[in-house]
Amino acid sequence: MKRKLSTLILLAALLLTPTASVRAQSPDGGDVFLLGQNYTLSSGETLNGSLAVVGGNVMIEEGAAVNGDVAVAQDD
């Protein structure tokens, strides 16, 4: 009984945790990690780091550059 209650409380806490953007730490501070948000890198801009987006969309406009890896994961 206590185990079921603990599991239920943990599940409720995880579901109520808000999703927000998180910036991963890298030596140059350029990595970007987003949960449930969209990301646009405008023309002429350069991202010096890696980009990871989970549950969102990425738009890299012509003339923009990413000096790192790009990973996008979506739930279809």
N, C-alpha and C. Protein backbone atom coordinates (compact mmCIF):
# COMPACT_ATOMS: atom_id res chain seq x y z
N MET A 1 0.83 -1.20 0.00
CA MET A 1 0.00 0.00 0.00
C MET A 1 0.87 1.26 0.00
N LYS A 2 1.90 1.26 0.87
CA LYS A 2 2.77 2.43 0.92
C LYS A 2 3.54 2.61 -0.38
N ARG A 3 3.91 1.49 -1.00
CA ARG A 3 4.66 1.55 -2.26
C ARG A 3 3.79 2.15 -3.37
N LYS A 4 2.52 1.77 -3.43
CA LYS A 4 1.62 2.32 -4.43
C LYS A 4 1.42 3.81 -4.21
N LEU A 5 1.28 4.23 -2.97
CA LEU A 5 1.11 5.64 -2.65
C LEU A 5 2.35 6.43 -3.02
N SER A 6 3.52 5.90 -2.72
CA SER A 6 4.77 6.57 -3.07
C SER A 6 4.92 6.71 -4.58
N THR A 7 4.57 5.67 -5.31
CA THR A 7 4.64 5.70 -6.77
C THR A 7 3.68 6.73 -7.32
N LEU A 8 2.48 6.79 -6.78
CA LEU A 8 1.48 7.75 -7.22
C LEU A 8 1.94 9.18 -6.96
N ILE A 9 2.51 9.44 -5.81
CA ILE A 9 3.00 10.78 -5.48
C ILE A 9 4.15 11.17 -6.40
N LEU A 10 5.08 10.24 -6.65
CA LEU A 10 6.20 10.52 -7.55
C LEU A 10 5.70 10.80 -8.96
N LEU A 11 4.77 10.02 -9.45
CA LEU A 11 4.21 10.23 -10.78
C LEU A 11 3.52 11.59 -10.87
N ALA A 12 2.74 11.95 -9.87
CA ALA A 12 2.06 13.25 -9.86
C ALA A 12 3.08 14.39 -9.86
N ALA A 13 4.15 14.25 -9.10
CA ALA A 13 5.19 15.29 -9.05
C ALA A 13 5.86 15.44 -10.41
N LEU A 14 6.13 14.33 -11.10
CA LEU A 14 6.76 14.41 -12.42
C LEU A 14 5.83 15.04 -13.45
N LEU A 15 4.55 14.73 -13.37
CA LEU A 15 3.60 15.29 -14.33
C LEU A 15 3.35 16.77 -14.10
N LEU A 16 3.51 17.24 -12.87
CA LEU A 16 3.26 18.64 -12.55
C LEU A 16 4.51 19.50 -12.68
N THR A 17 5.65 18.88 -12.95
CA THR A 17 6.88 19.64 -13.13
C THR A 17 6.81 20.39 -14.45
N PRO A 18 6.97 21.71 -14.42
CA PRO A 18 6.88 22.47 -15.67
C PRO A 18 8.08 22.21 -16.56
N THR A 19 7.84 22.24 -17.87
CA THR A 19 8.95 22.11 -18.81
C THR A 19 9.43 23.51 -19.17
N ALA A 20 10.71 23.66 -19.30
CA ALA A 20 11.30 24.95 -19.62
C ALA A 20 12.60 24.73 -20.36
N SER A 21 13.14 25.81 -20.86
CA SER A 21 14.42 25.68 -21.55
C SER A 21 15.54 25.53 -20.54
N VAL A 22 16.53 24.77 -20.94
CA VAL A 22 17.69 24.53 -20.10
C VAL A 22 18.91 24.73 -20.97
N ARG A 23 19.85 25.48 -20.50
CA ARG A 23 21.09 25.67 -21.24
C ARG A 23 22.14 24.74 -20.64
N ALA A 24 22.62 23.84 -21.47
CA ALA A 24 23.66 22.92 -21.02
C ALA A 24 24.98 23.68 -20.89
N GLN A 25 25.80 23.28 -19.98
CA GLN A 25 27.08 23.94 -19.76
C GLN A 25 28.14 23.35 -20.67
N SER A 26 28.86 24.19 -21.35
CA SER A 26 29.99 23.76 -22.16
C SER A 26 31.11 24.76 -21.91
N PRO A 27 32.32 24.45 -22.32
CA PRO A 27 33.43 25.37 -22.08
C PRO A 27 33.19 26.77 -22.63
N ASP A 28 32.54 26.89 -23.80
CA ASP A 28 32.29 28.23 -24.35
C ASP A 28 30.87 28.70 -24.07
N GLY A 29 30.07 27.89 -23.37
CA GLY A 29 28.71 28.30 -22.99
C GLY A 29 27.74 28.37 -24.14
N GLY A 30 28.01 27.70 -25.28
CA GLY A 30 27.17 27.85 -26.45
C GLY A 30 26.14 26.76 -26.68
N ASP A 31 26.17 25.67 -25.93
CA ASP A 31 25.22 24.58 -26.16
C ASP A 31 23.81 25.00 -25.75
N VAL A 32 22.81 24.53 -26.52
CA VAL A 32 21.41 24.84 -26.23
C VAL A 32 20.64 23.53 -26.15
N PHE A 33 19.85 23.34 -25.08
CA PHE A 33 18.99 22.18 -24.90
C PHE A 33 17.61 22.68 -24.52
N LEU A 34 16.59 22.37 -25.34
CA LEU A 34 15.23 22.85 -25.10
C LEU A 34 14.26 21.69 -25.00
N LEU A 35 13.30 21.80 -24.10
CA LEU A 35 12.24 20.81 -23.93
C LEU A 35 10.91 21.44 -24.31
N GLY A 36 10.27 20.92 -25.34
CA GLY A 36 8.93 21.38 -25.70
C GLY A 36 8.88 22.80 -26.22
N GLN A 37 9.96 23.29 -26.79
CA GLN A 37 9.98 24.65 -27.33
C GLN A 37 10.56 24.63 -28.73
N ASN A 38 10.26 25.67 -29.48
CA ASN A 38 10.80 25.81 -30.82
C ASN A 38 12.06 26.68 -30.78
N TYR A 39 12.94 26.50 -31.77
CA TYR A 39 14.18 27.27 -31.82
C TYR A 39 14.41 27.73 -33.25
N THR A 40 14.71 29.01 -33.42
CA THR A 40 15.02 29.58 -34.72
C THR A 40 16.38 30.25 -34.66
N LEU A 41 17.25 29.88 -35.59
CA LEU A 41 18.54 30.55 -35.74
C LEU A 41 18.42 31.40 -36.99
N SER A 42 18.41 32.71 -36.79
CA SER A 42 18.15 33.64 -37.89
C SER A 42 19.35 33.77 -38.82
N SER A 43 19.07 34.21 -40.03
CA SER A 43 20.09 34.41 -41.04
C SER A 43 21.18 35.34 -40.50
N GLY A 44 22.43 34.94 -40.70
CA GLY A 44 23.56 35.75 -40.23
C GLY A 44 24.03 35.41 -38.83
N GLU A 45 23.24 34.63 -38.08
CA GLU A 45 23.63 34.24 -36.72
C GLU A 45 24.44 32.95 -36.75
N THR A 46 25.29 32.78 -35.74
CA THR A 46 26.08 31.57 -35.59
C THR A 46 25.94 31.05 -34.17
N LEU A 47 25.63 29.76 -34.04
CA LEU A 47 25.58 29.10 -32.73
C LEU A 47 26.88 28.32 -32.58
N ASN A 48 27.71 28.74 -31.64
CA ASN A 48 28.97 28.06 -31.36
C ASN A 48 28.75 27.03 -30.27
N GLY A 49 28.20 25.92 -30.64
CA GLY A 49 27.89 24.85 -29.71
C GLY A 49 26.89 23.91 -30.35
N SER A 50 26.44 22.96 -29.59
CA SER A 50 25.47 21.98 -30.09
C SER A 50 24.06 22.41 -29.74
N LEU A 51 23.10 21.90 -30.50
CA LEU A 51 21.69 22.22 -30.32
C LEU A 51 20.91 20.92 -30.19
N ALA A 52 20.13 20.78 -29.12
CA ALA A 52 19.27 19.62 -28.93
C ALA A 52 17.88 20.12 -28.55
N VAL A 53 16.87 19.68 -29.29
CA VAL A 53 15.49 20.07 -29.03
C VAL A 53 14.65 18.81 -28.92
N VAL A 54 13.93 18.66 -27.82
CA VAL A 54 13.06 17.52 -27.59
C VAL A 54 11.62 18.03 -27.54
N GLY A 55 10.78 17.54 -28.46
CA GLY A 55 9.37 17.93 -28.46
C GLY A 55 9.12 19.31 -29.04
N GLY A 56 10.01 19.80 -29.86
CA GLY A 56 9.83 21.11 -30.49
C GLY A 56 10.35 21.06 -31.91
N ASN A 57 10.39 22.23 -32.55
CA ASN A 57 10.86 22.33 -33.92
C ASN A 57 12.09 23.22 -33.99
N VAL A 58 12.91 23.00 -35.01
CA VAL A 58 14.11 23.80 -35.22
C VAL A 58 14.06 24.39 -36.62
N MET A 59 14.32 25.69 -36.72
CA MET A 59 14.43 26.34 -38.02
C MET A 59 15.79 27.03 -38.07
N ILE A 60 16.61 26.62 -39.02
CA ILE A 60 17.90 27.26 -39.24
C ILE A 60 17.81 27.94 -40.60
N GLU A 61 17.73 29.26 -40.57
CA GLU A 61 17.53 30.02 -41.80
C GLU A 61 18.79 30.03 -42.65
N GLU A 62 18.59 30.26 -43.95
CA GLU A 62 19.72 30.34 -44.88
C GLU A 62 20.67 31.45 -44.43
N GLY A 63 21.95 31.14 -44.41
CA GLY A 63 22.95 32.11 -43.97
C GLY A 63 23.30 31.99 -42.49
N ALA A 64 22.60 31.11 -41.76
CA ALA A 64 22.91 30.86 -40.35
C ALA A 64 23.83 29.64 -40.28
N ALA A 65 24.57 29.52 -39.16
CA ALA A 65 25.51 28.41 -39.03
C ALA A 65 25.49 27.86 -37.61
N VAL A 66 25.66 26.53 -37.51
CA VAL A 66 25.79 25.85 -36.23
C VAL A 66 27.15 25.17 -36.21
N ASN A 67 28.01 25.58 -35.28
CA ASN A 67 29.33 24.97 -35.12
C ASN A 67 29.25 23.91 -34.02
N GLY A 68 28.54 22.84 -34.32
CA GLY A 68 28.33 21.76 -33.37
C GLY A 68 27.32 20.79 -33.95
N ASP A 69 26.80 19.94 -33.09
CA ASP A 69 25.82 18.94 -33.51
C ASP A 69 24.41 19.48 -33.35
N VAL A 70 23.48 18.96 -34.17
CA VAL A 70 22.07 19.32 -34.06
C VAL A 70 21.27 18.03 -33.93
N ALA A 71 20.43 17.95 -32.89
CA ALA A 71 19.58 16.78 -32.66
C ALA A 71 18.17 17.26 -32.34
N VAL A 72 17.19 16.70 -33.04
CA VAL A 72 15.79 17.04 -32.80
C VAL A 72 15.02 15.75 -32.59
N ALA A 73 14.30 15.65 -31.48
CA ALA A 73 13.49 14.47 -31.19
C ALA A 73 12.04 14.92 -30.99
N GLN A 74 11.15 14.31 -31.78
CA GLN A 74 9.72 14.63 -31.68
C GLN A 74 8.94 13.36 -31.46
N ASP A 75 7.84 13.50 -30.76
CA ASP A 75 6.93 12.39 -30.52
C ASP A 75 5.82 12.47 -31.54
N ASP A 76 5.78 11.51 -32.45
CA ASP A 76 4.75 11.53 -33.52
C ASP A 76 3.51 10.82 -33.10
